[in-house]
């Protein structure tokens, strides 16, 4: 069963690229004491994620932040090296915090994992977007299938946050 609005994000460990290389970052470090827009993609560099999902959040960075959001984060079941390169290639580096969930620890703990083994991709994260305020999920929009990105788009998240202000 997946997390839902009102739940706390589960404890898990991500990896981020630091100045000295990969560094662990817990969910507490990501979400405690701040408002975070988190979106998840099944895989960096995959068509919808690379060409539509990430660009939508980059285009709406200022709008999202204007709603009181402290950070915009993206997670994917990819290793930290792939996520760092994807950040450079998309222009997200320094704008979106890229949280590598290489072993799907967070995706599984949140109940937001999907088995795409039939497509040669293994266990991945579902595509979703959430607003988390001090560790509590305030908005959660999950797409039914990986190619879809309407429910988890930056536009949809902005609209949901607009209704909260």
C-alpha atoms as a PDB file:
ATOM      1  CA  UNK A   1       0.000   0.000   0.000  1.00  0.00           C
ATOM      2  CA  UNK A   2       1.321   3.409  -0.882  1.00  0.00           C
ATOM      3  CA  UNK A   3       1.662   6.494   1.251  1.00  0.00           C
ATOM      4  CA  UNK A   4      -1.172   8.982   1.088  1.00  0.00           C
ATOM      5  CA  UNK A   5      -1.928  12.586   1.943  1.00  0.00           C
ATOM      6  CA  UNK A   6      -1.437  13.163   5.665  1.00  0.00           C
ATOM      7  CA  UNK A   7       1.228  10.473   6.022  1.00  0.00           C
ATOM      8  CA  UNK A   8       4.829  11.186   6.943  1.00  0.00           C
ATOM      9  CA  UNK A   9       7.379  10.308   4.296  1.00  0.00           C
ATOM     10  CA  UNK A  10       9.039   7.012   5.192  1.00  0.00           C
ATOM     11  CA  UNK A  11      12.575   6.823   6.501  1.00  0.00           C
ATOM     12  CA  UNK A  12      15.013   5.940   3.744  1.00  0.00           C
ATOM     13  CA  UNK A  13      18.399   6.930   2.413  1.00  0.00           C
ATOM     14  CA  UNK A  14      19.110   8.634  -0.893  1.00  0.00           C
ATOM     15  CA  UNK A  15      22.470   9.442  -2.424  1.00  0.00           C
ATOM     16  CA  UNK A  16      23.469  12.842  -3.787  1.00  0.00           C
ATOM     17  CA  UNK A  17      26.619  13.944  -5.537  1.00  0.00           C
ATOM     18  CA  UNK A  18      28.763  15.990  -3.181  1.00  0.00           C
ATOM     19  CA  UNK A  19      32.050  17.801  -3.735  1.00  0.00           C
ATOM     20  CA  UNK A  20      33.976  14.651  -2.760  1.00  0.00           C
ATOM     21  CA  UNK A  21      31.666  12.177  -4.532  1.00  0.00           C
ATOM     22  CA  UNK A  22      28.524  10.286  -3.523  1.00  0.00           C
ATOM     23  CA  UNK A  23      27.059  11.208  -0.138  1.00  0.00           C
ATOM     24  CA  UNK A  24      24.114   9.654   1.727  1.00  0.00           C
ATOM     25  CA  UNK A  25      21.152  11.865   2.569  1.00  0.00           C
ATOM     26  CA  UNK A  26      18.266  10.678   4.741  1.00  0.00           C
ATOM     27  CA  UNK A  27      14.656  11.588   4.233  1.00  0.00           C
ATOM     28  CA  UNK A  28      14.860  13.558   7.484  1.00  0.00           C
ATOM     29  CA  UNK A  29      17.672  15.654   6.014  1.00  0.00           C
ATOM     30  CA  UNK A  30      15.667  16.252   2.834  1.00  0.00           C
ATOM     31  CA  UNK A  31      12.255  17.058   4.325  1.00  0.00           C
ATOM     32  CA  UNK A  32      12.586  18.177   7.962  1.00  0.00           C
ATOM     33  CA  UNK A  33      11.725  21.814   8.582  1.00  0.00           C
ATOM     34  CA  UNK A  34      11.031  22.752   4.990  1.00  0.00           C
ATOM     35  CA  UNK A  35       8.441  22.589   2.263  1.00  0.00           C
ATOM     36  CA  UNK A  36       9.568  20.358  -0.615  1.00  0.00           C
ATOM     37  CA  UNK A  37       8.089  19.674  -4.039  1.00  0.00           C
ATOM     38  CA  UNK A  38       9.233  16.132  -4.851  1.00  0.00           C
ATOM     39  CA  UNK A  39       8.700  14.464  -8.171  1.00  0.00           C
ATOM     40  CA  UNK A  40       9.716  10.970  -9.150  1.00  0.00           C
ATOM     41  CA  UNK A  41      10.556   9.548 -12.535  1.00  0.00           C
ATOM     42  CA  UNK A  42      10.952   5.895 -13.544  1.00  0.00           C
ATOM     43  CA  UNK A  43      14.357   6.626 -15.056  1.00  0.00           C
ATOM     44  CA  UNK A  44      16.695   9.468 -15.906  1.00  0.00           C
ATOM     45  CA  UNK A  45      17.246   9.817 -19.649  1.00  0.00           C
ATOM     46  CA  UNK A  46      14.113   7.802 -20.478  1.00  0.00           C
ATOM     47  CA  UNK A  47      11.947   9.591 -23.086  1.00  0.00           C
ATOM     48  CA  UNK A  48       9.056  10.998 -21.017  1.00  0.00           C
ATOM     49  CA  UNK A  49      11.253  11.747 -18.001  1.00  0.00           C
ATOM     50  CA  UNK A  50      13.951  13.483 -20.029  1.00  0.00           C
ATOM     51  CA  UNK A  51      11.851  15.269 -22.643  1.00  0.00           C
ATOM     52  CA  UNK A  52       8.715  16.186 -20.699  1.00  0.00           C
ATOM     53  CA  UNK A  53       8.711  15.633 -16.932  1.00  0.00           C
ATOM     54  CA  UNK A  54      11.997  17.303 -15.916  1.00  0.00           C
ATOM     55  CA  UNK A  55      11.599  20.172 -18.421  1.00  0.00           C
ATOM     56  CA  UNK A  56       8.152  20.938 -16.999  1.00  0.00           C
ATOM     57  CA  UNK A  57       9.569  21.392 -13.509  1.00  0.00           C
ATOM     58  CA  UNK A  58      12.460  23.482 -14.794  1.00  0.00           C
ATOM     59  CA  UNK A  59      10.036  25.751 -16.658  1.00  0.00           C
ATOM     60  CA  UNK A  60       7.944  26.258 -13.515  1.00  0.00           C
ATOM     61  CA  UNK A  61      10.738  26.609 -10.937  1.00  0.00           C
ATOM     62  CA  UNK A  62       9.917  30.220 -10.104  1.00  0.00           C
ATOM     63  CA  UNK A  63       6.168  29.562  -9.939  1.00  0.00           C
ATOM     64  CA  UNK A  64       6.660  26.614  -7.589  1.00  0.00           C
ATOM     65  CA  UNK A  65       9.048  28.529  -5.346  1.00  0.00           C
ATOM     66  CA  UNK A  66       6.652  31.500  -5.273  1.00  0.00           C
ATOM     67  CA  UNK A  67       4.191  29.236  -3.450  1.00  0.00           C
ATOM     68  CA  UNK A  68       6.488  28.966  -0.448  1.00  0.00           C
ATOM     69  CA  UNK A  69       8.402  25.880  -1.564  1.00  0.00           C
ATOM     70  CA  UNK A  70      11.944  25.742  -0.188  1.00  0.00           C
ATOM     71  CA  UNK A  71      13.265  23.046  -2.522  1.00  0.00           C
ATOM     72  CA  UNK A  72      12.358  21.113  -5.625  1.00  0.00           C
ATOM     73  CA  UNK A  73      13.664  17.554  -5.602  1.00  0.00           C
ATOM     74  CA  UNK A  74      13.596  14.724  -8.101  1.00  0.00           C
ATOM     75  CA  UNK A  75      14.115  11.074  -7.267  1.00  0.00           C
ATOM     76  CA  UNK A  76      14.636   8.098  -9.510  1.00  0.00           C
ATOM     77  CA  UNK A  77      15.791   4.513  -9.178  1.00  0.00           C
ATOM     78  CA  UNK A  78      19.125   5.337 -10.766  1.00  0.00           C
ATOM     79  CA  UNK A  79      22.592   5.535  -9.277  1.00  0.00           C
ATOM     80  CA  UNK A  80      24.028   8.848  -8.111  1.00  0.00           C
ATOM     81  CA  UNK A  81      26.379   9.093 -11.114  1.00  0.00           C
ATOM     82  CA  UNK A  82      23.514   8.812 -13.604  1.00  0.00           C
ATOM     83  CA  UNK A  83      21.461  11.351 -11.653  1.00  0.00           C
ATOM     84  CA  UNK A  84      24.371  13.812 -11.516  1.00  0.00           C
ATOM     85  CA  UNK A  85      24.961  13.551 -15.249  1.00  0.00           C
ATOM     86  CA  UNK A  86      21.245  13.883 -15.948  1.00  0.00           C
ATOM     87  CA  UNK A  87      21.205  17.066 -13.865  1.00  0.00           C
ATOM     88  CA  UNK A  88      24.019  18.497 -15.989  1.00  0.00           C
ATOM     89  CA  UNK A  89      22.446  17.434 -19.287  1.00  0.00           C
ATOM     90  CA  UNK A  90      19.001  18.859 -18.455  1.00  0.00           C
ATOM     91  CA  UNK A  91      20.180  22.073 -16.822  1.00  0.00           C
ATOM     92  CA  UNK A  92      18.689  20.950 -13.499  1.00  0.00           C
ATOM     93  CA  UNK A  93      22.022  20.977 -11.662  1.00  0.00           C
ATOM     94  CA  UNK A  94      21.870  23.592  -8.899  1.00  0.00           C
ATOM     95  CA  UNK A  95      18.120  24.080  -9.419  1.00  0.00           C
ATOM     96  CA  UNK A  96      16.597  20.687  -8.626  1.00  0.00           C
ATOM     97  CA  UNK A  97      18.016  18.449  -5.898  1.00  0.00           C
ATOM     98  CA  UNK A  98      18.625  15.077  -7.524  1.00  0.00           C
ATOM     99  CA  UNK A  99      18.041  12.215  -5.094  1.00  0.00           C
ATOM    100  CA  UNK A 100      19.367   8.874  -6.304  1.00  0.00           C
ATOM    101  CA  UNK A 101      17.307   5.944  -5.034  1.00  0.00           C
ATOM    102  CA  UNK A 102      19.472   3.315  -6.714  1.00  0.00           C
ATOM    103  CA  UNK A 103      18.156   0.351  -4.738  1.00  0.00           C
ATOM    104  CA  UNK A 104      14.538   1.620  -4.733  1.00  0.00           C
ATOM    105  CA  UNK A 105      14.689   1.909  -0.936  1.00  0.00           C
ATOM    106  CA  UNK A 106      12.505   5.033  -0.821  1.00  0.00           C
ATOM    107  CA  UNK A 107      10.195   3.915  -3.639  1.00  0.00           C
ATOM    108  CA  UNK A 108       9.517   0.598  -1.871  1.00  0.00           C
ATOM    109  CA  UNK A 109       9.123   2.167   1.585  1.00  0.00           C
ATOM    110  CA  UNK A 110       6.592   4.621   0.145  1.00  0.00           C
ATOM    111  CA  UNK A 111       4.762   1.851  -1.739  1.00  0.00           C
ATOM    112  CA  UNK A 112       5.434   3.748  -4.952  1.00  0.00           C
ATOM    113  CA  UNK A 113       7.600   1.152  -6.682  1.00  0.00           C
ATOM    114  CA  UNK A 114       6.688  -0.551  -9.951  1.00  0.00           C
ATOM    115  CA  UNK A 115       8.167  -3.690 -11.487  1.00  0.00           C
ATOM    116  CA  UNK A 116       9.120  -2.949 -15.083  1.00  0.00           C
ATOM    117  CA  UNK A 117      11.152  -6.131 -15.513  1.00  0.00           C
ATOM    118  CA  UNK A 118       9.058  -7.142 -18.529  1.00  0.00           C
ATOM    119  CA  UNK A 119      10.528  -4.082 -20.268  1.00  0.00           C
ATOM    120  CA  UNK A 120      14.093  -4.781 -19.116  1.00  0.00           C
ATOM    121  CA  UNK A 121      14.065  -1.977 -16.534  1.00  0.00           C
ATOM    122  CA  UNK A 122      13.706  -3.887 -13.249  1.00  0.00           C
ATOM    123  CA  UNK A 123      12.091  -2.313 -10.201  1.00  0.00           C
ATOM    124  CA  UNK A 124      11.599   1.432 -10.618  1.00  0.00           C
ATOM    125  CA  UNK A 125       9.644   4.266  -9.057  1.00  0.00           C
ATOM    126  CA  UNK A 126       6.164   5.117 -10.192  1.00  0.00           C
ATOM    127  CA  UNK A 127       5.856   8.563 -11.706  1.00  0.00           C
ATOM    128  CA  UNK A 128       4.409  10.937  -9.114  1.00  0.00           C
ATOM    129  CA  UNK A 129       4.649  14.412  -7.630  1.00  0.00           C
ATOM    130  CA  UNK A 130       4.087  15.366  -4.019  1.00  0.00           C
ATOM    131  CA  UNK A 131       4.244  18.388  -1.801  1.00  0.00           C
ATOM    132  CA  UNK A 132       5.820  17.605   1.552  1.00  0.00           C
ATOM    133  CA  UNK A 133       5.698  20.070   4.450  1.00  0.00           C
ATOM    134  CA  UNK A 134       8.096  19.244   7.291  1.00  0.00           C
ATOM    135  CA  UNK A 135       7.934  15.545   6.421  1.00  0.00           C
ATOM    136  CA  UNK A 136       4.135  15.357   6.001  1.00  0.00           C
ATOM    137  CA  UNK A 137       2.636  14.698   2.573  1.00  0.00           C
ATOM    138  CA  UNK A 138       0.181  17.478   1.697  1.00  0.00           C
ATOM    139  CA  UNK A 139      -0.379  16.670  -2.003  1.00  0.00           C
ATOM    140  CA  UNK A 140       0.226  13.380  -3.827  1.00  0.00           C
ATOM    141  CA  UNK A 141      -0.458  12.892  -7.528  1.00  0.00           C
ATOM    142  CA  UNK A 142       0.389   9.477  -9.018  1.00  0.00           C
ATOM    143  CA  UNK A 143       0.269   8.552 -12.693  1.00  0.00           C
ATOM    144  CA  UNK A 144      -1.170   5.153 -13.543  1.00  0.00           C
ATOM    145  CA  UNK A 145       1.470   4.091 -16.096  1.00  0.00           C
ATOM    146  CA  UNK A 146       5.035   5.319 -16.711  1.00  0.00           C
ATOM    147  CA  UNK A 147       4.504   7.040 -20.085  1.00  0.00           C
ATOM    148  CA  UNK A 148       1.747   9.198 -18.552  1.00  0.00           C
ATOM    149  CA  UNK A 149       2.841  12.368 -16.778  1.00  0.00           C
ATOM    150  CA  UNK A 150      -0.283  14.512 -16.542  1.00  0.00           C
ATOM    151  CA  UNK A 151      -1.132  13.873 -12.874  1.00  0.00           C
ATOM    152  CA  UNK A 152       2.497  14.297 -11.793  1.00  0.00           C
ATOM    153  CA  UNK A 153       3.311  17.296 -13.976  1.00  0.00           C
ATOM    154  CA  UNK A 154       4.616  20.568 -12.597  1.00  0.00           C
ATOM    155  CA  UNK A 155       1.495  22.262 -13.926  1.00  0.00           C
ATOM    156  CA  UNK A 156      -0.810  19.922 -11.997  1.00  0.00           C
ATOM    157  CA  UNK A 157       1.245  20.272  -8.809  1.00  0.00           C
ATOM    158  CA  UNK A 158       1.205  24.069  -9.103  1.00  0.00           C
ATOM    159  CA  UNK A 159      -2.556  23.994  -9.543  1.00  0.00           C
ATOM    160  CA  UNK A 160      -2.970  21.813  -6.432  1.00  0.00           C
ATOM    161  CA  UNK A 161      -0.715  24.104  -4.405  1.00  0.00           C
ATOM    162  CA  UNK A 162      -2.650  27.124  -5.613  1.00  0.00           C
ATOM    163  CA  UNK A 163      -5.752  25.662  -4.031  1.00  0.00           C
ATOM    164  CA  UNK A 164      -3.929  25.406  -0.683  1.00  0.00           C
ATOM    165  CA  UNK A 165      -2.842  29.033  -0.426  1.00  0.00           C
END
